[in-house]
Structures are given as structure tokens and as C-alpha cells.
Amino acid sequence: MTSDQTNRDRSTARILGVFLAVLSIPVLVGGFSAALTIDLALGTAAGAALLLAAAILMFYGSRGRPKQPRKR
């Protein structure tokens, strides 16, 4: 049984995860279009870190959701 506060926390984590995933797209594009090698490495690492954080938050947010009954 989860409380209302836990449900709210999980919803916030899901929303924040989606935001970070969307934010990582321009970071990765900017990293891959960099001219210097160090810029390429840093941009790619930053985009990967954002994607990892997004995946962790979305996983945490989707773990405690109550299962909805299937409609026939």
C-alpha cells in the first residue's frame, strides 16, 4: 500500500524523467556536431548522463503504479 505522498513523488519522478530525456536530445545533437574532439567527448558524456538520469527517474516513477484492470 502506498500513500498519497508516495504516489505524488512517483508522478513527479516520471515527469522529471521525461523532461530530462527531452533535454538530452539537443545536448547529444550538439555533442555529435562538435568540431573538436574534447567537445565531442564532453557533449556525448553529458547527454548520456542526462539519459541515464532520465531512465532511472522514469523507472522509479513507473514502479509503484497500481495495475489497472483490463477492459474486455
N, C-alpha and C. Protein backbone atom coordinates (compact mmCIF):
# COMPACT_ATOMS: atom_id res chain seq x y z
N MET A 1 0.84 -1.17 0.00
CA MET A 1 0.00 0.00 0.00
C MET A 1 0.89 1.24 0.00
N THR A 2 0.62 2.14 -0.90
CA THR A 2 1.41 3.37 -0.95
C THR A 2 0.53 4.54 -0.55
N SER A 3 1.16 5.53 0.04
CA SER A 3 0.41 6.69 0.48
C SER A 3 0.26 7.67 -0.68
N ASP A 4 -0.54 8.69 -0.45
CA ASP A 4 -0.74 9.72 -1.46
C ASP A 4 0.55 10.47 -1.76
N GLN A 5 1.36 10.67 -0.74
CA GLN A 5 2.61 11.39 -0.94
C GLN A 5 3.58 10.56 -1.80
N THR A 6 3.61 9.26 -1.62
CA THR A 6 4.45 8.40 -2.43
C THR A 6 3.99 8.41 -3.88
N ASN A 7 2.69 8.37 -4.09
CA ASN A 7 2.15 8.44 -5.46
C ASN A 7 2.52 9.76 -6.11
N ARG A 8 2.45 10.83 -5.36
CA ARG A 8 2.81 12.14 -5.90
C ARG A 8 4.29 12.21 -6.22
N ASP A 9 5.12 11.63 -5.36
CA ASP A 9 6.56 11.59 -5.61
C ASP A 9 6.88 10.80 -6.87
N ARG A 10 6.21 9.69 -7.05
CA ARG A 10 6.46 8.87 -8.25
C ARG A 10 5.99 9.59 -9.51
N SER A 11 4.89 10.29 -9.44
CA SER A 11 4.42 11.07 -10.60
C SER A 11 5.41 12.18 -10.94
N THR A 12 5.92 12.83 -9.92
CA THR A 12 6.92 13.88 -10.14
C THR A 12 8.18 13.30 -10.75
N ALA A 13 8.61 12.14 -10.31
CA ALA A 13 9.80 11.50 -10.86
C ALA A 13 9.59 11.13 -12.33
N ARG A 14 8.40 10.64 -12.68
CA ARG A 14 8.11 10.32 -14.08
C ARG A 14 8.17 11.56 -14.95
N ILE A 15 7.56 12.65 -14.49
CA ILE A 15 7.54 13.89 -15.27
C ILE A 15 8.95 14.44 -15.41
N LEU A 16 9.73 14.42 -14.34
CA LEU A 16 11.10 14.90 -14.40
C LEU A 16 11.96 14.03 -15.31
N GLY A 17 11.71 12.73 -15.33
CA GLY A 17 12.43 11.83 -16.22
C GLY A 17 12.15 12.13 -17.68
N VAL A 18 10.90 12.39 -18.01
CA VAL A 18 10.55 12.76 -19.39
C VAL A 18 11.21 14.08 -19.76
N PHE A 19 11.20 15.04 -18.86
CA PHE A 19 11.83 16.33 -19.12
C PHE A 19 13.32 16.16 -19.39
N LEU A 20 14.00 15.36 -18.58
CA LEU A 20 15.44 15.15 -18.78
C LEU A 20 15.72 14.41 -20.08
N ALA A 21 14.85 13.48 -20.46
CA ALA A 21 15.04 12.76 -21.72
C ALA A 21 14.91 13.72 -22.91
N VAL A 22 13.93 14.61 -22.85
CA VAL A 22 13.77 15.60 -23.92
C VAL A 22 14.94 16.57 -23.93
N LEU A 23 15.41 16.95 -22.77
CA LEU A 23 16.54 17.87 -22.66
C LEU A 23 17.83 17.25 -23.18
N SER A 24 17.97 15.95 -23.08
CA SER A 24 19.21 15.31 -23.52
C SER A 24 19.34 15.26 -25.04
N ILE A 25 18.23 15.38 -25.76
CA ILE A 25 18.29 15.31 -27.23
C ILE A 25 19.13 16.44 -27.82
N PRO A 26 18.86 17.72 -27.51
CA PRO A 26 19.72 18.76 -28.09
C PRO A 26 21.16 18.71 -27.57
N VAL A 27 21.36 18.20 -26.35
CA VAL A 27 22.72 18.08 -25.82
C VAL A 27 23.50 17.05 -26.64
N LEU A 28 22.87 15.92 -26.94
CA LEU A 28 23.53 14.90 -27.75
C LEU A 28 23.77 15.38 -29.18
N VAL A 29 22.80 16.07 -29.75
CA VAL A 29 22.97 16.60 -31.12
C VAL A 29 24.12 17.60 -31.14
N GLY A 30 24.17 18.46 -30.16
CA GLY A 30 25.27 19.43 -30.07
C GLY A 30 26.60 18.76 -29.84
N GLY A 31 26.61 17.70 -29.08
CA GLY A 31 27.84 16.97 -28.84
C GLY A 31 28.35 16.28 -30.09
N PHE A 32 27.45 15.67 -30.86
CA PHE A 32 27.87 14.98 -32.07
C PHE A 32 28.25 15.93 -33.20
N SER A 33 27.77 17.16 -33.15
CA SER A 33 28.11 18.11 -34.21
C SER A 33 29.29 19.00 -33.83
N ALA A 34 29.98 18.68 -32.76
CA ALA A 34 31.12 19.47 -32.30
C ALA A 34 32.32 19.26 -33.23
N ALA A 35 33.13 20.30 -33.37
CA ALA A 35 34.29 20.23 -34.25
C ALA A 35 35.50 19.64 -33.52
N LEU A 36 35.67 19.96 -32.28
CA LEU A 36 36.83 19.48 -31.53
C LEU A 36 36.51 18.16 -30.82
N THR A 37 37.52 17.35 -30.63
CA THR A 37 37.33 16.05 -30.01
C THR A 37 36.88 16.18 -28.56
N ILE A 38 37.46 17.12 -27.83
CA ILE A 38 37.08 17.28 -26.43
C ILE A 38 35.62 17.72 -26.30
N ASP A 39 35.16 18.56 -27.22
CA ASP A 39 33.76 18.98 -27.21
C ASP A 39 32.84 17.80 -27.52
N LEU A 40 33.28 16.96 -28.45
CA LEU A 40 32.51 15.77 -28.78
C LEU A 40 32.40 14.85 -27.58
N ALA A 41 33.51 14.64 -26.88
CA ALA A 41 33.51 13.75 -25.71
C ALA A 41 32.66 14.31 -24.57
N LEU A 42 32.82 15.59 -24.29
CA LEU A 42 32.05 16.19 -23.19
C LEU A 42 30.56 16.26 -23.50
N GLY A 43 30.21 16.63 -24.73
CA GLY A 43 28.80 16.70 -25.10
C GLY A 43 28.13 15.34 -25.06
N THR A 44 28.84 14.34 -25.56
CA THR A 44 28.29 12.99 -25.54
C THR A 44 28.16 12.46 -24.11
N ALA A 45 29.16 12.73 -23.28
CA ALA A 45 29.09 12.29 -21.88
C ALA A 45 27.96 12.98 -21.13
N ALA A 46 27.78 14.26 -21.37
CA ALA A 46 26.69 14.99 -20.71
C ALA A 46 25.32 14.48 -21.17
N GLY A 47 25.18 14.23 -22.46
CA GLY A 47 23.91 13.69 -22.97
C GLY A 47 23.63 12.30 -22.43
N ALA A 48 24.67 11.49 -22.34
CA ALA A 48 24.50 10.13 -21.80
C ALA A 48 24.13 10.19 -20.32
N ALA A 49 24.74 11.11 -19.58
CA ALA A 49 24.41 11.25 -18.16
C ALA A 49 22.96 11.70 -17.99
N LEU A 50 22.50 12.61 -18.83
CA LEU A 50 21.10 13.04 -18.76
C LEU A 50 20.16 11.90 -19.10
N LEU A 51 20.50 11.11 -20.12
CA LEU A 51 19.65 9.97 -20.47
C LEU A 51 19.62 8.93 -19.36
N LEU A 52 20.74 8.69 -18.73
CA LEU A 52 20.78 7.73 -17.62
C LEU A 52 19.92 8.22 -16.45
N ALA A 53 20.05 9.49 -16.11
CA ALA A 53 19.23 10.04 -15.03
C ALA A 53 17.75 9.97 -15.38
N ALA A 54 17.42 10.24 -16.65
CA ALA A 54 16.02 10.17 -17.08
C ALA A 54 15.49 8.75 -16.97
N ALA A 55 16.29 7.77 -17.39
CA ALA A 55 15.86 6.38 -17.32
C ALA A 55 15.64 5.94 -15.87
N ILE A 56 16.53 6.34 -14.98
CA ILE A 56 16.38 5.98 -13.57
C ILE A 56 15.11 6.60 -12.98
N LEU A 57 14.88 7.87 -13.28
CA LEU A 57 13.68 8.52 -12.74
C LEU A 57 12.40 7.93 -13.32
N MET A 58 12.39 7.64 -14.61
CA MET A 58 11.19 7.05 -15.20
C MET A 58 10.95 5.64 -14.68
N PHE A 59 12.02 4.88 -14.44
CA PHE A 59 11.87 3.54 -13.87
C PHE A 59 11.31 3.63 -12.45
N TYR A 60 11.86 4.53 -11.64
CA TYR A 60 11.37 4.71 -10.28
C TYR A 60 9.90 5.15 -10.30
N GLY A 61 9.56 6.06 -11.20
CA GLY A 61 8.20 6.56 -11.25
C GLY A 61 7.19 5.54 -11.72
N SER A 62 7.61 4.62 -12.56
CA SER A 62 6.65 3.64 -13.09
C SER A 62 6.56 2.39 -12.24
N ARG A 63 7.45 2.22 -11.26
CA ARG A 63 7.47 1.00 -10.46
C ARG A 63 6.27 0.84 -9.55
N GLY A 64 5.81 1.88 -8.93
CA GLY A 64 4.77 1.73 -7.91
C GLY A 64 3.37 2.03 -8.38
N ARG A 65 3.18 2.09 -9.67
CA ARG A 65 1.84 2.41 -10.17
C ARG A 65 0.89 1.24 -9.96
N PRO A 66 -0.33 1.54 -9.53
CA PRO A 66 -1.29 0.45 -9.37
C PRO A 66 -1.70 -0.10 -10.73
N LYS A 67 -1.90 -1.39 -10.80
CA LYS A 67 -2.29 -2.01 -12.06
C LYS A 67 -3.77 -1.75 -12.30
N GLN A 68 -4.06 -1.34 -13.52
CA GLN A 68 -5.45 -1.04 -13.87
C GLN A 68 -6.09 -2.32 -14.45
N PRO A 69 -7.32 -2.55 -14.09
CA PRO A 69 -7.98 -3.75 -14.64
C PRO A 69 -8.16 -3.60 -16.14
N ARG A 70 -8.01 -4.73 -16.83
CA ARG A 70 -8.18 -4.72 -18.28
C ARG A 70 -9.66 -4.64 -18.64
N LYS A 71 -9.91 -3.89 -19.72
CA LYS A 71 -11.28 -3.81 -20.21
C LYS A 71 -11.49 -4.90 -21.24
N ARG A 72 -12.67 -5.47 -21.22
CA ARG A 72 -12.96 -6.53 -22.18
C ARG A 72 -13.72 -6.00 -23.35
